[in-house]
Amino acid sequence: MRNFVIFLGACFIFGELAVASNPSSYYGVVGSVLASVAGCGWLMSPGISFVLLVLFSVNLGRILVGFVYSVS
């Protein structure tokens, strides 16, 4: 379990680095999706369930709005 939490933390950091470097808008969106999924999984490890679902829905909504804005 400890290794899985460390892996999720690393995925979160790499996702945020992908958003920060942002070579293309598509890669920025992929990095943002990776960071939100890894961050929500990281929050889920101590046992947060309902709050996790709400945060995940809000993060995916934010990602979709950013993706539509950057593509158009």
PDB file of N, CA and C in Angstrom:
ATOM      1  N   MET A   1       0.823  -1.196   0.000  1.00  0.00           N
ATOM      2  CA  MET A   1       0.000   0.000   0.000  1.00  0.00           C
ATOM      3  C   MET A   1       0.868   1.261   0.000  1.00  0.00           C
ATOM      4  N   ARG A   2       1.949   1.191   0.732  1.00  0.00           N
ATOM      5  CA  ARG A   2       2.836   2.359   0.812  1.00  0.00           C
ATOM      6  C   ARG A   2       3.430   2.681  -0.558  1.00  0.00           C
ATOM      7  N   ASN A   3       3.823   1.648  -1.284  1.00  0.00           N
ATOM      8  CA  ASN A   3       4.390   1.869  -2.616  1.00  0.00           C
ATOM      9  C   ASN A   3       3.356   2.453  -3.569  1.00  0.00           C
ATOM     10  N   PHE A   4       2.106   2.020  -3.439  1.00  0.00           N
ATOM     11  CA  PHE A   4       1.042   2.535  -4.298  1.00  0.00           C
ATOM     12  C   PHE A   4       0.791   4.014  -4.024  1.00  0.00           C
ATOM     13  N   VAL A   5       0.825   4.419  -2.772  1.00  0.00           N
ATOM     14  CA  VAL A   5       0.633   5.826  -2.419  1.00  0.00           C
ATOM     15  C   VAL A   5       1.802   6.667  -2.939  1.00  0.00           C
ATOM     16  N   ILE A   6       3.005   6.141  -2.856  1.00  0.00           N
ATOM     17  CA  ILE A   6       4.160   6.852  -3.401  1.00  0.00           C
ATOM     18  C   ILE A   6       4.041   6.964  -4.911  1.00  0.00           C
ATOM     19  N   PHE A   7       3.568   5.901  -5.575  1.00  0.00           N
ATOM     20  CA  PHE A   7       3.358   5.930  -7.023  1.00  0.00           C
ATOM     21  C   PHE A   7       2.318   6.981  -7.406  1.00  0.00           C
ATOM     22  N   LEU A   8       1.227   7.072  -6.651  1.00  0.00           N
ATOM     23  CA  LEU A   8       0.208   8.083  -6.932  1.00  0.00           C
ATOM     24  C   LEU A   8       0.755   9.493  -6.735  1.00  0.00           C
ATOM     25  N   GLY A   9       1.575   9.680  -5.724  1.00  0.00           N
ATOM     26  CA  GLY A   9       2.199  10.984  -5.510  1.00  0.00           C
ATOM     27  C   GLY A   9       3.120  11.364  -6.651  1.00  0.00           C
ATOM     28  N   ALA A  10       3.872  10.390  -7.154  1.00  0.00           N
ATOM     29  CA  ALA A  10       4.756  10.655  -8.288  1.00  0.00           C
ATOM     30  C   ALA A  10       3.953  10.972  -9.542  1.00  0.00           C
ATOM     31  N   CYS A  11       2.850  10.252  -9.757  1.00  0.00           N
ATOM     32  CA  CYS A  11       1.989  10.533 -10.915  1.00  0.00           C
ATOM     33  C   CYS A  11       1.381  11.926 -10.812  1.00  0.00           C
ATOM     34  N   PHE A  12       1.015  12.330  -9.606  1.00  0.00           N
ATOM     35  CA  PHE A  12       0.467  13.669  -9.410  1.00  0.00           C
ATOM     36  C   PHE A  12       1.507  14.734  -9.753  1.00  0.00           C
ATOM     37  N   ILE A  13       2.725  14.538  -9.303  1.00  0.00           N
ATOM     38  CA  ILE A  13       3.784  15.511  -9.573  1.00  0.00           C
ATOM     39  C   ILE A  13       4.107  15.558 -11.063  1.00  0.00           C
ATOM     40  N   PHE A  14       4.194  14.392 -11.717  1.00  0.00           N
ATOM     41  CA  PHE A  14       4.475  14.367 -13.153  1.00  0.00           C
ATOM     42  C   PHE A  14       3.335  14.976 -13.958  1.00  0.00           C
ATOM     43  N   GLY A  15       2.100  14.766 -13.509  1.00  0.00           N
ATOM     44  CA  GLY A  15       0.970  15.392 -14.185  1.00  0.00           C
ATOM     45  C   GLY A  15       1.006  16.901 -14.075  1.00  0.00           C
ATOM     46  N   GLU A  16       1.341  17.406 -12.905  1.00  0.00           N
ATOM     47  CA  GLU A  16       1.441  18.852 -12.735  1.00  0.00           C
ATOM     48  C   GLU A  16       2.616  19.431 -13.519  1.00  0.00           C
ATOM     49  N   LEU A  17       3.707  18.681 -13.629  1.00  0.00           N
ATOM     50  CA  LEU A  17       4.821  19.139 -14.460  1.00  0.00           C
ATOM     51  C   LEU A  17       4.426  19.170 -15.935  1.00  0.00           C
ATOM     52  N   ALA A  18       3.606  18.214 -16.364  1.00  0.00           N
ATOM     53  CA  ALA A  18       3.129  18.220 -17.745  1.00  0.00           C
ATOM     54  C   ALA A  18       2.230  19.424 -18.004  1.00  0.00           C
ATOM     55  N   VAL A  19       1.435  19.813 -17.013  1.00  0.00           N
ATOM     56  CA  VAL A  19       0.592  20.997 -17.169  1.00  0.00           C
ATOM     57  C   VAL A  19       1.460  22.254 -17.187  1.00  0.00           C
ATOM     58  N   ALA A  20       2.466  22.296 -16.335  1.00  0.00           N
ATOM     59  CA  ALA A  20       3.306  23.494 -16.240  1.00  0.00           C
ATOM     60  C   ALA A  20       4.169  23.681 -17.485  1.00  0.00           C
ATOM     61  N   SER A  21       4.689  22.599 -18.049  1.00  0.00           N
ATOM     62  CA  SER A  21       5.532  22.736 -19.240  1.00  0.00           C
ATOM     63  C   SER A  21       4.682  23.047 -20.464  1.00  0.00           C
ATOM     64  N   ASN A  22       3.529  22.414 -20.589  1.00  0.00           N
ATOM     65  CA  ASN A  22       2.505  22.687 -21.597  1.00  0.00           C
ATOM     66  C   ASN A  22       3.073  22.906 -23.009  1.00  0.00           C
ATOM     67  N   PRO A  23       3.671  21.860 -23.602  1.00  0.00           N
ATOM     68  CA  PRO A  23       4.163  22.019 -24.972  1.00  0.00           C
ATOM     69  C   PRO A  23       3.030  22.175 -25.983  1.00  0.00           C
ATOM     70  N   SER A  24       1.891  21.612 -25.712  1.00  0.00           N
ATOM     71  CA  SER A  24       0.707  21.727 -26.554  1.00  0.00           C
ATOM     72  C   SER A  24      -0.501  21.675 -25.641  1.00  0.00           C
ATOM     73  N   SER A  25      -1.606  22.227 -26.107  1.00  0.00           N
ATOM     74  CA  SER A  25      -2.797  22.236 -25.255  1.00  0.00           C
ATOM     75  C   SER A  25      -3.305  20.826 -24.993  1.00  0.00           C
ATOM     76  N   TYR A  26      -3.122  19.922 -25.942  1.00  0.00           N
ATOM     77  CA  TYR A  26      -3.569  18.544 -25.740  1.00  0.00           C
ATOM     78  C   TYR A  26      -2.763  17.857 -24.644  1.00  0.00           C
ATOM     79  N   TYR A  27      -1.441  18.074 -24.624  1.00  0.00           N
ATOM     80  CA  TYR A  27      -0.627  17.476 -23.574  1.00  0.00           C
ATOM     81  C   TYR A  27      -0.915  18.100 -22.215  1.00  0.00           C
ATOM     82  N   GLY A  28      -1.256  19.366 -22.209  1.00  0.00           N
ATOM     83  CA  GLY A  28      -1.640  20.006 -20.955  1.00  0.00           C
ATOM     84  C   GLY A  28      -2.898  19.403 -20.379  1.00  0.00           C
ATOM     85  N   VAL A  29      -3.854  19.080 -21.242  1.00  0.00           N
ATOM     86  CA  VAL A  29      -5.104  18.466 -20.782  1.00  0.00           C
ATOM     87  C   VAL A  29      -4.836  17.049 -20.293  1.00  0.00           C
ATOM     88  N   VAL A  30      -4.000  16.307 -20.998  1.00  0.00           N
ATOM     89  CA  VAL A  30      -3.661  14.944 -20.564  1.00  0.00           C
ATOM     90  C   VAL A  30      -2.953  14.987 -19.215  1.00  0.00           C
ATOM     91  N   GLY A  31      -2.053  15.933 -19.039  1.00  0.00           N
ATOM     92  CA  GLY A  31      -1.377  16.082 -17.755  1.00  0.00           C
ATOM     93  C   GLY A  31      -2.333  16.471 -16.645  1.00  0.00           C
ATOM     94  N   SER A  32      -3.307  17.299 -16.966  1.00  0.00           N
ATOM     95  CA  SER A  32      -4.289  17.702 -15.961  1.00  0.00           C
ATOM     96  C   SER A  32      -5.195  16.538 -15.566  1.00  0.00           C
ATOM     97  N   VAL A  33      -5.570  15.714 -16.536  1.00  0.00           N
ATOM     98  CA  VAL A  33      -6.369  14.518 -16.222  1.00  0.00           C
ATOM     99  C   VAL A  33      -5.559  13.562 -15.362  1.00  0.00           C
ATOM    100  N   LEU A  34      -4.285  13.348 -15.722  1.00  0.00           N
ATOM    101  CA  LEU A  34      -3.419  12.471 -14.940  1.00  0.00           C
ATOM    102  C   LEU A  34      -3.265  12.987 -13.511  1.00  0.00           C
ATOM    103  N   ALA A  35      -3.062  14.288 -13.369  1.00  0.00           N
ATOM    104  CA  ALA A  35      -2.885  14.863 -12.032  1.00  0.00           C
ATOM    105  C   ALA A  35      -4.159  14.765 -11.209  1.00  0.00           C
ATOM    106  N   SER A  36      -5.328  14.971 -11.824  1.00  0.00           N
ATOM    107  CA  SER A  36      -6.570  14.895 -11.051  1.00  0.00           C
ATOM    108  C   SER A  36      -6.883  13.463 -10.643  1.00  0.00           C
ATOM    109  N   VAL A  37      -6.652  12.508 -11.538  1.00  0.00           N
ATOM    110  CA  VAL A  37      -6.906  11.103 -11.184  1.00  0.00           C
ATOM    111  C   VAL A  37      -5.940  10.644 -10.095  1.00  0.00           C
ATOM    112  N   ALA A  38      -4.665  10.985 -10.238  1.00  0.00           N
ATOM    113  CA  ALA A  38      -3.680  10.592  -9.229  1.00  0.00           C
ATOM    114  C   ALA A  38      -3.931  11.308  -7.906  1.00  0.00           C
ATOM    115  N   GLY A  39      -4.304  12.575  -7.959  1.00  0.00           N
ATOM    116  CA  GLY A  39      -4.588  13.309  -6.726  1.00  0.00           C
ATOM    117  C   GLY A  39      -5.805  12.765  -6.000  1.00  0.00           C
ATOM    118  N   CYS A  40      -6.829  12.407  -6.749  1.00  0.00           N
ATOM    119  CA  CYS A  40      -8.019  11.824  -6.112  1.00  0.00           C
ATOM    120  C   CYS A  40      -7.718  10.438  -5.560  1.00  0.00           C
ATOM    121  N   GLY A  41      -6.910   9.660  -6.260  1.00  0.00           N
ATOM    122  CA  GLY A  41      -6.497   8.365  -5.724  1.00  0.00           C
ATOM    123  C   GLY A  41      -5.647   8.514  -4.486  1.00  0.00           C
ATOM    124  N   TRP A  42      -4.823   9.565  -4.473  1.00  0.00           N
ATOM    125  CA  TRP A  42      -3.989   9.862  -3.314  1.00  0.00           C
ATOM    126  C   TRP A  42      -4.856  10.236  -2.123  1.00  0.00           C
ATOM    127  N   LEU A  43      -5.921  10.997  -2.368  1.00  0.00           N
ATOM    128  CA  LEU A  43      -6.848  11.335  -1.287  1.00  0.00           C
ATOM    129  C   LEU A  43      -7.663  10.135  -0.835  1.00  0.00           C
ATOM    130  N   MET A  44      -7.908   9.206  -1.744  1.00  0.00           N
ATOM    131  CA  MET A  44      -8.714   8.042  -1.413  1.00  0.00           C
ATOM    132  C   MET A  44      -7.961   7.061  -0.518  1.00  0.00           C
ATOM    133  N   SER A  45      -6.649   7.091  -0.517  1.00  0.00           N
ATOM    134  CA  SER A  45      -5.870   6.125   0.253  1.00  0.00           C
ATOM    135  C   SER A  45      -6.166   6.161   1.756  1.00  0.00           C
ATOM    136  N   PRO A  46      -6.406   7.322   2.388  1.00  0.00           N
ATOM    137  CA  PRO A  46      -6.777   7.272   3.802  1.00  0.00           C
ATOM    138  C   PRO A  46      -8.227   6.876   4.046  1.00  0.00           C
ATOM    139  N   GLY A  47      -9.066   6.845   3.015  1.00  0.00           N
ATOM    140  CA  GLY A  47     -10.438   6.389   3.190  1.00  0.00           C
ATOM    141  C   GLY A  47     -11.491   7.442   2.921  1.00  0.00           C
ATOM    142  N   ILE A  48     -11.155   8.537   2.295  1.00  0.00           N
ATOM    143  CA  ILE A  48     -12.141   9.564   1.966  1.00  0.00           C
ATOM    144  C   ILE A  48     -12.898   9.105   0.734  1.00  0.00           C
ATOM    145  N   SER A  49     -14.232   9.006   0.824  1.00  0.00           N
ATOM    146  CA  SER A  49     -14.963   8.457  -0.319  1.00  0.00           C
ATOM    147  C   SER A  49     -15.897   9.475  -0.963  1.00  0.00           C
ATOM    148  N   PHE A  50     -16.854  10.030  -0.219  1.00  0.00           N
ATOM    149  CA  PHE A  50     -17.836  10.934  -0.827  1.00  0.00           C
ATOM    150  C   PHE A  50     -17.189  12.231  -1.278  1.00  0.00           C
ATOM    151  N   VAL A  51     -16.321  12.774  -0.459  1.00  0.00           N
ATOM    152  CA  VAL A  51     -15.625  14.006  -0.814  1.00  0.00           C
ATOM    153  C   VAL A  51     -14.770  13.770  -2.053  1.00  0.00           C
ATOM    154  N   LEU A  52     -14.194  12.591  -2.155  1.00  0.00           N
ATOM    155  CA  LEU A  52     -13.389  12.248  -3.317  1.00  0.00           C
ATOM    156  C   LEU A  52     -14.218  12.282  -4.595  1.00  0.00           C
ATOM    157  N   LEU A  53     -15.406  11.730  -4.550  1.00  0.00           N
ATOM    158  CA  LEU A  53     -16.253  11.735  -5.743  1.00  0.00           C
ATOM    159  C   LEU A  53     -16.631  13.147  -6.158  1.00  0.00           C
ATOM    160  N   VAL A  54     -16.914  14.003  -5.198  1.00  0.00           N
ATOM    161  CA  VAL A  54     -17.267  15.385  -5.507  1.00  0.00           C
ATOM    162  C   VAL A  54     -16.061  16.115  -6.092  1.00  0.00           C
ATOM    163  N   LEU A  55     -14.904  15.958  -5.478  1.00  0.00           N
ATOM    164  CA  LEU A  55     -13.700  16.616  -5.982  1.00  0.00           C
ATOM    165  C   LEU A  55     -13.321  16.111  -7.368  1.00  0.00           C
ATOM    166  N   PHE A  56     -13.479  14.822  -7.588  1.00  0.00           N
ATOM    167  CA  PHE A  56     -13.152  14.255  -8.891  1.00  0.00           C
ATOM    168  C   PHE A  56     -14.085  14.808  -9.960  1.00  0.00           C
ATOM    169  N   SER A  57     -15.362  14.942  -9.647  1.00  0.00           N
ATOM    170  CA  SER A  57     -16.308  15.498 -10.615  1.00  0.00           C
ATOM    171  C   SER A  57     -15.994  16.961 -10.919  1.00  0.00           C
ATOM    172  N   VAL A  58     -15.652  17.720  -9.911  1.00  0.00           N
ATOM    173  CA  VAL A  58     -15.314  19.126 -10.118  1.00  0.00           C
ATOM    174  C   VAL A  58     -14.037  19.251 -10.940  1.00  0.00           C
ATOM    175  N   ASN A  59     -13.040  18.421 -10.641  1.00  0.00           N
ATOM    176  CA  ASN A  59     -11.783  18.477 -11.392  1.00  0.00           C
ATOM    177  C   ASN A  59     -11.986  18.094 -12.846  1.00  0.00           C
ATOM    178  N   LEU A  60     -12.777  17.058 -13.113  1.00  0.00           N
ATOM    179  CA  LEU A  60     -13.011  16.666 -14.497  1.00  0.00           C
ATOM    180  C   LEU A  60     -13.815  17.729 -15.236  1.00  0.00           C
ATOM    181  N   GLY A  61     -14.725  18.395 -14.570  1.00  0.00           N
ATOM    182  CA  GLY A  61     -15.445  19.501 -15.198  1.00  0.00           C
ATOM    183  C   GLY A  61     -14.515  20.642 -15.554  1.00  0.00           C
ATOM    184  N   ARG A  62     -13.589  20.943 -14.665  1.00  0.00           N
ATOM    185  CA  ARG A  62     -12.605  21.994 -14.927  1.00  0.00           C
ATOM    186  C   ARG A  62     -11.717  21.617 -16.103  1.00  0.00           C
ATOM    187  N   ILE A  63     -11.338  20.357 -16.165  1.00  0.00           N
ATOM    188  CA  ILE A  63     -10.497  19.886 -17.254  1.00  0.00           C
ATOM    189  C   ILE A  63     -11.228  19.987 -18.579  1.00  0.00           C
ATOM    190  N   LEU A  64     -12.495  19.598 -18.606  1.00  0.00           N
ATOM    191  CA  LEU A  64     -13.256  19.655 -19.851  1.00  0.00           C
ATOM    192  C   LEU A  64     -13.450  21.092 -20.320  1.00  0.00           C
ATOM    193  N   VAL A  65     -13.689  22.008 -19.402  1.00  0.00           N
ATOM    194  CA  VAL A  65     -13.829  23.413 -19.790  1.00  0.00           C
ATOM    195  C   VAL A  65     -12.511  23.940 -20.349  1.00  0.00           C
ATOM    196  N   GLY A  66     -11.399  23.608 -19.704  1.00  0.00           N
ATOM    197  CA  GLY A  66     -10.102  24.036 -20.218  1.00  0.00           C
ATOM    198  C   GLY A  66      -9.778  23.412 -21.556  1.00  0.00           C
ATOM    199  N   PHE A  67     -10.159  22.174 -21.757  1.00  0.00           N
ATOM    200  CA  PHE A  67      -9.906  21.514 -23.024  1.00  0.00           C
ATOM    201  C   PHE A  67     -10.706  22.148 -24.151  1.00  0.00           C
ATOM    202  N   VAL A  68     -11.984  22.424 -23.918  1.00  0.00           N
ATOM    203  CA  VAL A  68     -12.812  23.053 -24.940  1.00  0.00           C
ATOM    204  C   VAL A  68     -12.305  24.455 -25.247  1.00  0.00           C
ATOM    205  N   TYR A  69     -11.896  25.198 -24.228  1.00  0.00           N
ATOM    206  CA  TYR A  69     -11.377  26.542 -24.440  1.00  0.00           C
ATOM    207  C   TYR A  69     -10.077  26.528 -25.242  1.00  0.00           C
ATOM    208  N   SER A  70      -9.193  25.571 -24.938  1.00  0.00           N
ATOM    209  CA  SER A  70      -7.908  25.553 -25.631  1.00  0.00           C
ATOM    210  C   SER A  70      -8.034  25.027 -27.056  1.00  0.00           C
ATOM    211  N   VAL A  71      -8.983  24.168 -27.328  1.00  0.00           N
ATOM    212  CA  VAL A  71      -9.139  23.629 -28.675  1.00  0.00           C
ATOM    213  C   VAL A  71      -9.828  24.638 -29.583  1.00  0.00           C
ATOM    214  N   SER A  72     -10.784  25.384 -29.053  1.00  0.00           N
ATOM    215  CA  SER A  72     -11.548  26.309 -29.905  1.00  0.00           C
ATOM    216  C   SER A  72     -10.802  27.585 -30.214  1.00  0.00           C
TER     217      SER A  72
END
